[in-house]
Amino acid sequence: MEALTLVLVILLTAILTVYNRRQAKALDGVYATIADFAAMQMRDRRESRRIDVTPFRWLEGLVNPHTENALTLLGEGGRSHTNAQALEINAEDGRRLVVSTLDKKQLLNLTRQQAKGGSGAAGRVADMAARPLLGKSRYGMKVIEVSMVNVSEWFDLEAEAVAKSLGLDWGQPRRLWFYILAR
């Protein structure tokens, strides 16, 4: 009798193990289906949103909450630097705003390489040597990092639209760095 009870307990354990594994696989499948459905809805919602931004106003809206003196960007006189993935814009008060997908260390390394002739394009090197992207002095420079986390869920799409309208290809960046350079 004891042996039969032991055999029945072992058999019941085996049956429960098999059914629990089947149920776990089924639940994993349901989870994957729901996750795919949610991603599809998010993708449809993001694609249906029409991104219509005014580049300089959008950039001002991201920078001005982090500065004491608000920037008013000029629409002309800016330069785009494709190698540095950066845009340089002049402000009305003489300050410059540099916007890039690269952080300060990466941007400084890139401008040093270009100044040494690493890019191979004489025109770009001469241009960068004449007026370095981040200036000659690092004093008076304010660095601001902006990302989807502290702006909006549409940040990457808006940044891509702004970059395209200004002649750059940033893709859909997760964050941008703003460098405000003193006069």
N, C-alpha and C. Protein backbone atom coordinates (compact mmCIF):
# COMPACT_ATOMS: atom_id res chain seq x y z
N MET A 1 0.81 -1.18 0.00
CA MET A 1 0.00 0.00 0.00
C MET A 1 0.87 1.26 0.00
N GLU A 2 1.92 1.25 0.81
CA GLU A 2 2.80 2.41 0.86
C GLU A 2 3.52 2.60 -0.48
N ALA A 3 3.90 1.54 -1.09
CA ALA A 3 4.59 1.63 -2.38
C ALA A 3 3.65 2.17 -3.44
N LEU A 4 2.38 1.73 -3.40
CA LEU A 4 1.40 2.22 -4.36
C LEU A 4 1.15 3.72 -4.17
N THR A 5 1.08 4.19 -2.93
CA THR A 5 0.89 5.61 -2.64
C THR A 5 2.08 6.42 -3.16
N LEU A 6 3.27 5.89 -2.95
CA LEU A 6 4.47 6.56 -3.44
C LEU A 6 4.47 6.64 -4.96
N VAL A 7 4.09 5.58 -5.64
CA VAL A 7 4.03 5.56 -7.10
C VAL A 7 2.98 6.57 -7.59
N LEU A 8 1.82 6.61 -6.93
CA LEU A 8 0.78 7.56 -7.32
C LEU A 8 1.21 9.01 -7.10
N VAL A 9 1.91 9.29 -6.02
CA VAL A 9 2.42 10.64 -5.77
C VAL A 9 3.43 11.02 -6.84
N ILE A 10 4.33 10.13 -7.19
CA ILE A 10 5.33 10.40 -8.24
C ILE A 10 4.64 10.62 -9.58
N LEU A 11 3.64 9.79 -9.90
CA LEU A 11 2.90 9.93 -11.16
C LEU A 11 2.15 11.26 -11.20
N LEU A 12 1.50 11.62 -10.10
CA LEU A 12 0.78 12.89 -10.02
C LEU A 12 1.75 14.08 -10.17
N THR A 13 2.91 13.98 -9.58
CA THR A 13 3.93 15.03 -9.71
C THR A 13 4.38 15.17 -11.16
N ALA A 14 4.60 14.07 -11.83
CA ALA A 14 5.01 14.10 -13.24
C ALA A 14 3.93 14.73 -14.11
N ILE A 15 2.67 14.35 -13.87
CA ILE A 15 1.55 14.89 -14.66
C ILE A 15 1.44 16.40 -14.43
N LEU A 16 1.52 16.83 -13.17
CA LEU A 16 1.43 18.26 -12.86
C LEU A 16 2.58 19.05 -13.48
N THR A 17 3.77 18.46 -13.48
CA THR A 17 4.93 19.12 -14.07
C THR A 17 4.73 19.33 -15.57
N VAL A 18 4.25 18.30 -16.25
CA VAL A 18 4.01 18.41 -17.70
C VAL A 18 2.97 19.49 -17.99
N TYR A 19 1.85 19.47 -17.27
CA TYR A 19 0.79 20.45 -17.51
C TYR A 19 1.22 21.87 -17.12
N ASN A 20 2.00 21.99 -16.07
CA ASN A 20 2.48 23.32 -15.69
C ASN A 20 3.41 23.90 -16.76
N ARG A 21 4.25 23.05 -17.36
CA ARG A 21 5.14 23.51 -18.43
C ARG A 21 4.33 23.94 -19.65
N ARG A 22 3.30 23.18 -19.99
CA ARG A 22 2.44 23.55 -21.12
C ARG A 22 1.75 24.88 -20.84
N GLN A 23 1.26 25.05 -19.64
CA GLN A 23 0.58 26.29 -19.28
C GLN A 23 1.56 27.48 -19.30
N ALA A 24 2.78 27.26 -18.84
CA ALA A 24 3.79 28.32 -18.86
C ALA A 24 4.10 28.72 -20.30
N LYS A 25 4.21 27.75 -21.21
CA LYS A 25 4.47 28.07 -22.62
C LYS A 25 3.30 28.85 -23.21
N ALA A 26 2.09 28.44 -22.87
CA ALA A 26 0.91 29.14 -23.37
C ALA A 26 0.87 30.58 -22.85
N LEU A 27 1.19 30.78 -21.59
CA LEU A 27 1.22 32.13 -21.03
C LEU A 27 2.32 32.98 -21.67
N ASP A 28 3.47 32.39 -21.95
CA ASP A 28 4.53 33.11 -22.66
C ASP A 28 4.06 33.55 -24.04
N GLY A 29 3.34 32.67 -24.72
CA GLY A 29 2.78 33.02 -26.03
C GLY A 29 1.78 34.16 -25.95
N VAL A 30 0.93 34.13 -24.94
CA VAL A 30 -0.05 35.21 -24.74
C VAL A 30 0.69 36.51 -24.45
N TYR A 31 1.70 36.46 -23.61
CA TYR A 31 2.47 37.66 -23.29
C TYR A 31 3.11 38.25 -24.55
N ALA A 32 3.72 37.38 -25.37
CA ALA A 32 4.36 37.86 -26.60
C ALA A 32 3.33 38.48 -27.54
N THR A 33 2.16 37.88 -27.64
CA THR A 33 1.11 38.41 -28.50
C THR A 33 0.65 39.78 -28.01
N ILE A 34 0.45 39.92 -26.72
CA ILE A 34 0.01 41.20 -26.16
C ILE A 34 1.09 42.27 -26.33
N ALA A 35 2.36 41.90 -26.11
CA ALA A 35 3.46 42.85 -26.29
C ALA A 35 3.55 43.30 -27.74
N ASP A 36 3.38 42.37 -28.69
CA ASP A 36 3.40 42.74 -30.11
C ASP A 36 2.24 43.66 -30.45
N PHE A 37 1.07 43.38 -29.89
CA PHE A 37 -0.10 44.21 -30.14
C PHE A 37 0.11 45.62 -29.59
N ALA A 38 0.65 45.72 -28.40
CA ALA A 38 0.92 47.04 -27.80
C ALA A 38 1.95 47.80 -28.63
N ALA A 39 3.00 47.12 -29.07
CA ALA A 39 4.02 47.77 -29.90
C ALA A 39 3.42 48.23 -31.22
N MET A 40 2.54 47.44 -31.79
CA MET A 40 1.89 47.81 -33.05
C MET A 40 1.03 49.05 -32.85
N GLN A 41 0.29 49.11 -31.75
CA GLN A 41 -0.53 50.30 -31.47
C GLN A 41 0.34 51.54 -31.27
N MET A 42 1.45 51.39 -30.54
CA MET A 42 2.35 52.52 -30.34
C MET A 42 2.94 52.99 -31.66
N ARG A 43 3.34 52.04 -32.50
CA ARG A 43 3.93 52.37 -33.79
C ARG A 43 2.90 53.10 -34.66
N ASP A 44 1.66 52.61 -34.68
CA ASP A 44 0.62 53.27 -35.46
C ASP A 44 0.35 54.68 -34.95
N ARG A 45 0.32 54.84 -33.64
CA ARG A 45 0.07 56.15 -33.06
C ARG A 45 1.21 57.11 -33.38
N ARG A 46 2.45 56.62 -33.31
CA ARG A 46 3.61 57.46 -33.61
C ARG A 46 3.64 57.84 -35.08
N GLU A 47 3.29 56.87 -35.97
CA GLU A 47 3.31 57.16 -37.40
C GLU A 47 2.19 58.10 -37.79
N SER A 48 1.06 58.01 -37.10
CA SER A 48 -0.07 58.87 -37.45
C SER A 48 0.13 60.30 -36.98
N ARG A 49 1.03 60.50 -36.02
CA ARG A 49 1.28 61.87 -35.53
C ARG A 49 2.06 62.63 -36.59
N ARG A 50 1.55 63.75 -36.96
CA ARG A 50 2.21 64.59 -37.94
C ARG A 50 3.18 65.50 -37.20
N ILE A 51 4.44 65.37 -37.50
CA ILE A 51 5.46 66.17 -36.84
C ILE A 51 5.59 67.48 -37.61
N ASP A 52 5.18 68.55 -37.00
CA ASP A 52 5.24 69.87 -37.62
C ASP A 52 5.87 70.82 -36.61
N VAL A 53 7.18 71.00 -36.71
CA VAL A 53 7.89 71.85 -35.76
C VAL A 53 8.64 72.94 -36.51
N THR A 54 8.74 74.08 -35.87
CA THR A 54 9.57 75.17 -36.37
C THR A 54 10.93 74.98 -35.72
N PRO A 55 11.96 74.69 -36.51
CA PRO A 55 13.25 74.28 -35.93
C PRO A 55 13.81 75.20 -34.86
N PHE A 56 13.92 76.49 -35.14
CA PHE A 56 14.57 77.38 -34.18
C PHE A 56 13.71 77.58 -32.93
N ARG A 57 12.40 77.63 -33.10
CA ARG A 57 11.52 77.76 -31.92
C ARG A 57 11.56 76.50 -31.08
N TRP A 58 11.66 75.33 -31.73
CA TRP A 58 11.74 74.06 -31.01
C TRP A 58 13.03 74.01 -30.19
N LEU A 59 14.14 74.40 -30.82
CA LEU A 59 15.43 74.41 -30.12
C LEU A 59 15.40 75.40 -28.95
N GLU A 60 14.84 76.58 -29.17
CA GLU A 60 14.72 77.56 -28.08
C GLU A 60 13.89 77.01 -26.94
N GLY A 61 12.81 76.29 -27.28
CA GLY A 61 11.94 75.72 -26.25
C GLY A 61 12.63 74.67 -25.40
N LEU A 62 13.63 74.00 -25.96
CA LEU A 62 14.38 73.01 -25.19
C LEU A 62 15.47 73.65 -24.34
N VAL A 63 16.08 74.73 -24.84
CA VAL A 63 17.23 75.34 -24.17
C VAL A 63 16.82 76.36 -23.11
N ASN A 64 15.86 77.21 -23.43
CA ASN A 64 15.54 78.35 -22.57
C ASN A 64 15.12 77.98 -21.14
N PRO A 65 14.43 76.87 -20.90
CA PRO A 65 14.13 76.55 -19.50
C PRO A 65 15.38 76.28 -18.64
N HIS A 66 16.52 76.04 -19.28
CA HIS A 66 17.74 75.72 -18.55
C HIS A 66 18.73 76.89 -18.47
N THR A 67 18.32 78.05 -18.97
CA THR A 67 19.23 79.20 -18.97
C THR A 67 18.61 80.37 -18.22
N GLU A 68 19.47 81.22 -17.70
CA GLU A 68 18.99 82.43 -17.02
C GLU A 68 18.54 83.47 -18.04
N ASN A 69 19.34 83.66 -19.08
CA ASN A 69 19.02 84.61 -20.15
C ASN A 69 18.54 83.82 -21.36
N ALA A 70 17.29 84.03 -21.73
CA ALA A 70 16.71 83.29 -22.85
C ALA A 70 17.45 83.58 -24.15
N LEU A 71 17.58 82.56 -24.96
CA LEU A 71 18.20 82.69 -26.28
C LEU A 71 17.12 82.96 -27.31
N THR A 72 17.40 83.87 -28.23
CA THR A 72 16.57 84.06 -29.41
C THR A 72 17.48 83.78 -30.59
N LEU A 73 17.22 82.69 -31.26
CA LEU A 73 18.10 82.23 -32.33
C LEU A 73 17.81 82.96 -33.62
N LEU A 74 18.90 83.27 -34.35
CA LEU A 74 18.78 83.90 -35.66
C LEU A 74 18.62 82.80 -36.71
N GLY A 75 17.81 83.03 -37.68
CA GLY A 75 17.57 82.03 -38.71
C GLY A 75 18.69 81.91 -39.72
N GLU A 76 19.56 82.91 -39.79
CA GLU A 76 20.64 82.86 -40.77
C GLU A 76 21.98 82.86 -40.06
N GLY A 77 23.02 82.54 -40.80
CA GLY A 77 24.37 82.57 -40.25
C GLY A 77 24.76 81.30 -39.52
N GLY A 78 23.95 80.29 -39.52
CA GLY A 78 24.30 79.04 -38.86
C GLY A 78 25.10 78.13 -39.77
N ARG A 79 25.80 77.21 -39.16
CA ARG A 79 26.58 76.23 -39.93
C ARG A 79 26.19 74.84 -39.47
N SER A 80 26.19 73.91 -40.41
CA SER A 80 25.99 72.52 -40.02
C SER A 80 27.30 71.78 -40.23
N HIS A 81 27.62 70.90 -39.31
CA HIS A 81 28.86 70.13 -39.34
C HIS A 81 28.46 68.66 -39.39
N THR A 82 28.48 68.08 -40.58
CA THR A 82 28.00 66.71 -40.73
C THR A 82 28.87 65.71 -39.99
N ASN A 83 30.19 65.90 -39.99
CA ASN A 83 31.07 64.96 -39.28
C ASN A 83 30.82 64.97 -37.78
N ALA A 84 30.55 66.14 -37.25
CA ALA A 84 30.32 66.28 -35.81
C ALA A 84 28.86 66.10 -35.45
N GLN A 85 28.02 65.82 -36.45
CA GLN A 85 26.59 65.70 -36.22
C GLN A 85 26.10 66.90 -35.41
N ALA A 86 26.55 68.08 -35.81
CA ALA A 86 26.28 69.28 -35.03
C ALA A 86 25.73 70.40 -35.89
N LEU A 87 25.01 71.26 -35.23
CA LEU A 87 24.44 72.45 -35.85
C LEU A 87 24.87 73.63 -34.99
N GLU A 88 25.37 74.66 -35.62
CA GLU A 88 25.83 75.86 -34.92
C GLU A 88 24.94 77.02 -35.34
N ILE A 89 24.34 77.69 -34.37
CA ILE A 89 23.39 78.77 -34.65
C ILE A 89 23.76 79.98 -33.80
N ASN A 90 23.67 81.15 -34.39
CA ASN A 90 23.94 82.40 -33.67
C ASN A 90 22.66 82.89 -33.00
N ALA A 91 22.84 83.51 -31.84
CA ALA A 91 21.71 84.11 -31.12
C ALA A 91 21.77 85.63 -31.29
N GLU A 92 20.66 86.29 -31.02
CA GLU A 92 20.60 87.75 -31.18
C GLU A 92 21.59 88.49 -30.32
N ASP A 93 21.87 87.97 -29.12
CA ASP A 93 22.77 88.68 -28.21
C ASP A 93 24.24 88.35 -28.41
N GLY A 94 24.58 87.65 -29.48
CA GLY A 94 25.97 87.35 -29.80
C GLY A 94 26.45 85.99 -29.34
N ARG A 95 25.69 85.31 -28.51
CA ARG A 95 26.07 83.96 -28.10
C ARG A 95 25.85 83.00 -29.26
N ARG A 96 26.50 81.85 -29.16
CA ARG A 96 26.31 80.79 -30.16
C ARG A 96 25.74 79.57 -29.47
N LEU A 97 24.91 78.85 -30.19
CA LEU A 97 24.35 77.60 -29.71
C LEU A 97 24.82 76.50 -30.64
N VAL A 98 25.46 75.49 -30.05
CA VAL A 98 25.86 74.31 -30.80
C VAL A 98 25.01 73.15 -30.31
N VAL A 99 24.34 72.48 -31.24
CA VAL A 99 23.48 71.34 -30.92
C VAL A 99 24.07 70.12 -31.59
N SER A 100 24.27 69.05 -30.82
CA SER A 100 24.89 67.85 -31.38
C SER A 100 24.35 66.60 -30.72
N THR A 101 24.49 65.49 -31.43
CA THR A 101 24.14 64.19 -30.86
C THR A 101 25.32 63.62 -30.09
N LEU A 102 26.46 64.32 -30.12
CA LEU A 102 27.66 63.86 -29.43
C LEU A 102 27.83 64.61 -28.11
N ASP A 103 28.31 63.90 -27.08
CA ASP A 103 28.57 64.57 -25.82
C ASP A 103 29.85 65.40 -25.93
N LYS A 104 30.16 66.15 -24.88
CA LYS A 104 31.27 67.11 -24.92
C LYS A 104 32.61 66.42 -25.22
N LYS A 105 32.87 65.30 -24.58
CA LYS A 105 34.13 64.60 -24.78
C LYS A 105 34.27 64.13 -26.23
N GLN A 106 33.22 63.54 -26.76
CA GLN A 106 33.26 63.05 -28.15
C GLN A 106 33.43 64.21 -29.13
N LEU A 107 32.73 65.30 -28.88
CA LEU A 107 32.80 66.46 -29.76
C LEU A 107 34.18 67.10 -29.73
N LEU A 108 34.78 67.21 -28.54
CA LEU A 108 36.13 67.78 -28.45
C LEU A 108 37.15 66.88 -29.14
N ASN A 109 37.04 65.57 -28.97
CA ASN A 109 37.96 64.64 -29.65
C ASN A 109 37.84 64.76 -31.16
N LEU A 110 36.62 64.86 -31.65
CA LEU A 110 36.40 64.98 -33.09
C LEU A 110 36.97 66.28 -33.64
N THR A 111 36.76 67.39 -32.96
CA THR A 111 37.29 68.66 -33.45
C THR A 111 38.81 68.68 -33.39
N ARG A 112 39.40 68.02 -32.39
CA ARG A 112 40.87 67.92 -32.34
C ARG A 112 41.39 67.11 -33.51
N GLN A 113 40.75 66.01 -33.83
CA GLN A 113 41.16 65.19 -34.97
C GLN A 113 41.07 65.98 -36.27
N GLN A 114 39.98 66.73 -36.43
CA GLN A 114 39.82 67.50 -37.65
C GLN A 114 40.86 68.61 -37.73
N ALA A 115 41.20 69.22 -36.60
CA ALA A 115 42.20 70.29 -36.60
C ALA A 115 43.58 69.74 -36.96
N LYS A 116 43.82 68.46 -36.66
CA LYS A 116 45.10 67.84 -36.99
C LYS A 116 45.13 67.33 -38.43
N GLY A 117 44.03 67.46 -39.12
CA GLY A 117 44.00 67.01 -40.50
C GLY A 117 43.49 65.59 -40.63
N GLY A 118 42.83 65.08 -39.61
CA GLY A 118 42.35 63.71 -39.64
C GLY A 118 41.21 63.48 -40.61
N SER A 119 40.48 64.52 -40.99
CA SER A 119 39.34 64.33 -41.87
C SER A 119 39.76 64.23 -43.32
N GLY A 120 40.89 64.82 -43.68
CA GLY A 120 41.35 64.75 -45.06
C GLY A 120 40.73 65.79 -45.97
N ALA A 121 39.77 66.53 -45.51
CA ALA A 121 39.12 67.55 -46.33
C ALA A 121 39.68 68.91 -45.94
N ALA A 122 40.49 69.48 -46.81
CA ALA A 122 41.19 70.72 -46.50
C ALA A 122 40.23 71.86 -46.17
N GLY A 123 39.12 71.93 -46.85
CA GLY A 123 38.15 73.00 -46.59
C GLY A 123 37.56 72.92 -45.20
N ARG A 124 37.20 71.70 -44.77
CA ARG A 124 36.62 71.55 -43.43
C ARG A 124 37.65 71.84 -42.36
N VAL A 125 38.88 71.39 -42.59
CA VAL A 125 39.94 71.63 -41.60
C VAL A 125 40.20 73.12 -41.47
N ALA A 126 40.28 73.81 -42.59
CA ALA A 126 40.53 75.25 -42.55
C ALA A 126 39.36 75.96 -41.86
N ASP A 127 38.16 75.50 -42.12
CA ASP A 127 36.98 76.10 -41.50
C ASP A 127 36.99 75.89 -39.99
N MET A 128 37.30 74.67 -39.56
CA MET A 128 37.33 74.37 -38.13
C MET A 128 38.48 75.10 -37.44
N ALA A 129 39.62 75.23 -38.12
CA ALA A 129 40.76 75.92 -37.52
C ALA A 129 40.49 77.41 -37.40
N ALA A 130 39.73 77.96 -38.34
CA ALA A 130 39.43 79.39 -38.29
C ALA A 130 38.56 79.71 -37.07
N ARG A 131 37.59 78.89 -36.80
CA ARG A 131 36.72 79.11 -35.65
C ARG A 131 36.28 77.75 -35.14
N PRO A 132 36.96 77.21 -34.12
CA PRO A 132 36.62 75.89 -33.60
C PRO A 132 35.15 75.83 -33.17
N LEU A 133 34.57 74.68 -33.34
CA LEU A 133 33.15 74.49 -33.07
C LEU A 133 32.76 74.90 -31.65
N LEU A 134 33.55 74.48 -30.66
CA LEU A 134 33.24 74.82 -29.28
C LEU A 134 34.07 76.00 -28.76
N GLY A 135 34.67 76.74 -29.67
CA GLY A 135 35.45 77.90 -29.27
C GLY A 135 36.82 77.51 -28.74
N LYS A 136 37.65 78.49 -28.52
CA LYS A 136 38.99 78.23 -28.02
C LYS A 136 39.02 78.12 -26.51
N SER A 137 38.13 78.82 -25.85
CA SER A 137 38.08 78.80 -24.40
C SER A 137 36.84 78.04 -23.94
N ARG A 138 37.00 77.18 -22.97
CA ARG A 138 35.87 76.41 -22.45
C ARG A 138 35.14 77.16 -21.33
N TYR A 139 35.67 78.32 -20.94
CA TYR A 139 35.03 79.12 -19.91
C TYR A 139 33.83 79.83 -20.51
N GLY A 140 32.79 79.90 -19.77
CA GLY A 140 31.59 80.56 -20.27
C GLY A 140 30.72 79.66 -21.13
N MET A 141 31.07 78.38 -21.21
CA MET A 141 30.26 77.44 -21.99
C MET A 141 29.33 76.71 -21.04
N LYS A 142 28.06 76.67 -21.41
CA LYS A 142 27.08 75.92 -20.63
C LYS A 142 26.65 74.72 -21.46
N VAL A 143 26.64 73.55 -20.82
CA VAL A 143 26.26 72.32 -21.50
C VAL A 143 24.93 71.83 -20.94
N ILE A 144 23.99 71.54 -21.83
CA ILE A 144 22.67 71.06 -21.44
C ILE A 144 22.40 69.76 -22.19
N GLU A 145 21.99 68.74 -21.46
CA GLU A 145 21.63 67.45 -22.08
C GLU A 145 20.12 67.30 -22.03
N VAL A 146 19.53 66.97 -23.17
CA VAL A 146 18.08 66.81 -23.26
C VAL A 146 17.80 65.44 -23.89
N SER A 147 16.81 64.73 -23.31
CA SER A 147 16.47 63.41 -23.84
C SER A 147 14.98 63.18 -23.78
N MET A 148 14.55 62.03 -24.28
CA MET A 148 13.13 61.67 -24.25
C MET A 148 12.60 61.63 -22.83
N VAL A 149 13.46 61.27 -21.90
CA VAL A 149 13.04 61.12 -20.52
C VAL A 149 12.58 62.44 -19.92
N ASN A 150 13.28 63.54 -20.24
CA ASN A 150 12.91 64.80 -19.61
C ASN A 150 12.21 65.79 -20.55
N VAL A 151 11.80 65.34 -21.75
CA VAL A 151 11.08 66.24 -22.65
C VAL A 151 9.72 65.66 -22.98
N SER A 152 9.67 64.74 -23.95
CA SER A 152 8.40 64.12 -24.34
C SER A 152 8.68 62.84 -25.10
N GLU A 153 7.66 62.05 -25.27
CA GLU A 153 7.83 60.80 -26.00
C GLU A 153 8.04 61.03 -27.48
N TRP A 154 7.75 62.24 -27.95
CA TRP A 154 7.91 62.56 -29.37
C TRP A 154 9.27 63.20 -29.66
N PHE A 155 10.12 63.30 -28.66
CA PHE A 155 11.40 64.00 -28.80
C PHE A 155 12.22 63.48 -29.98
N ASP A 156 12.36 62.17 -30.10
CA ASP A 156 13.20 61.62 -31.17
C ASP A 156 12.66 61.94 -32.55
N LEU A 157 11.34 61.88 -32.72
CA LEU A 157 10.74 62.19 -34.02
C LEU A 157 10.87 63.68 -34.34
N GLU A 158 10.66 64.53 -33.34
CA GLU A 158 10.80 65.97 -33.55
C GLU A 158 12.24 66.33 -33.86
N ALA A 159 13.19 65.73 -33.15
CA ALA A 159 14.61 66.01 -33.40
C ALA A 159 15.00 65.59 -34.81
N GLU A 160 14.51 64.46 -35.24
CA GLU A 160 14.80 64.00 -36.61
C GLU A 160 14.24 64.98 -37.63
N ALA A 161 13.01 65.46 -37.42
CA ALA A 161 12.40 66.42 -38.35
C ALA A 161 13.16 67.73 -38.37
N VAL A 162 13.59 68.22 -37.20
CA VAL A 162 14.36 69.46 -37.13
C VAL A 162 15.69 69.30 -37.87
N ALA A 163 16.38 68.20 -37.61
CA ALA A 163 17.67 67.98 -38.26
C ALA A 163 17.52 67.91 -39.78
N LYS A 164 16.53 67.20 -40.25
CA LYS A 164 16.32 67.10 -41.71
C LYS A 164 16.03 68.46 -42.32
N SER A 165 15.23 69.26 -41.62
CA SER A 165 14.90 70.58 -42.17
C SER A 165 16.12 71.51 -42.19
N LEU A 166 17.12 71.22 -41.36
CA LEU A 166 18.33 72.05 -41.32
C LEU A 166 19.51 71.40 -42.03
N GLY A 167 19.28 70.30 -42.73
CA GLY A 167 20.32 69.69 -43.55
C GLY A 167 21.21 68.68 -42.86
N LEU A 168 20.78 68.13 -41.75
CA LEU A 168 21.56 67.12 -41.04
C LEU A 168 20.79 65.81 -40.97
N ASP A 169 21.50 64.72 -40.74
CA ASP A 169 20.86 63.43 -40.58
C ASP A 169 21.22 62.88 -39.20
N TRP A 170 20.36 63.11 -38.24
CA TRP A 170 20.58 62.62 -36.88
C TRP A 170 19.90 61.28 -36.65
N GLY A 171 19.10 60.83 -37.60
CA GLY A 171 18.28 59.65 -37.34
C GLY A 171 17.23 60.03 -36.30
N GLN A 172 16.95 59.14 -35.38
CA GLN A 172 16.03 59.44 -34.28
C GLN A 172 16.84 59.40 -32.98
N PRO A 173 17.50 60.52 -32.65
CA PRO A 173 18.40 60.51 -31.50
C PRO A 173 17.65 60.38 -30.18
N ARG A 174 18.28 59.66 -29.26
CA ARG A 174 17.70 59.51 -27.92
C ARG A 174 18.00 60.71 -27.04
N ARG A 175 19.08 61.43 -27.36
CA ARG A 175 19.41 62.63 -26.58
C ARG A 175 20.20 63.60 -27.46
N LEU A 176 20.14 64.86 -27.08
CA LEU A 176 20.90 65.93 -27.73
C LEU A 176 21.64 66.71 -26.67
N TRP A 177 22.79 67.22 -27.05
CA TRP A 177 23.56 68.10 -26.16
C TRP A 177 23.55 69.49 -26.76
N PHE A 178 23.28 70.46 -25.91
CA PHE A 178 23.26 71.87 -26.30
C PHE A 178 24.43 72.55 -25.61
N TYR A 179 25.24 73.24 -26.40
CA TYR A 179 26.40 73.97 -25.87
C TYR A 179 26.15 75.45 -26.14
N ILE A 180 25.99 76.22 -25.06
CA ILE A 180 25.79 77.66 -25.21
C ILE A 180 27.14 78.31 -24.98
N LEU A 181 27.63 78.99 -26.00
CA LEU A 181 28.96 79.60 -25.95
C LEU A 181 28.82 81.11 -25.79
N ALA A 182 29.56 81.65 -24.85
CA ALA A 182 29.52 83.10 -24.57
C ALA A 182 30.04 83.86 -25.77
N ARG A 183 29.73 85.14 -25.79
CA ARG A 183 30.15 86.00 -26.91
C ARG A 183 31.62 86.04 -27.07
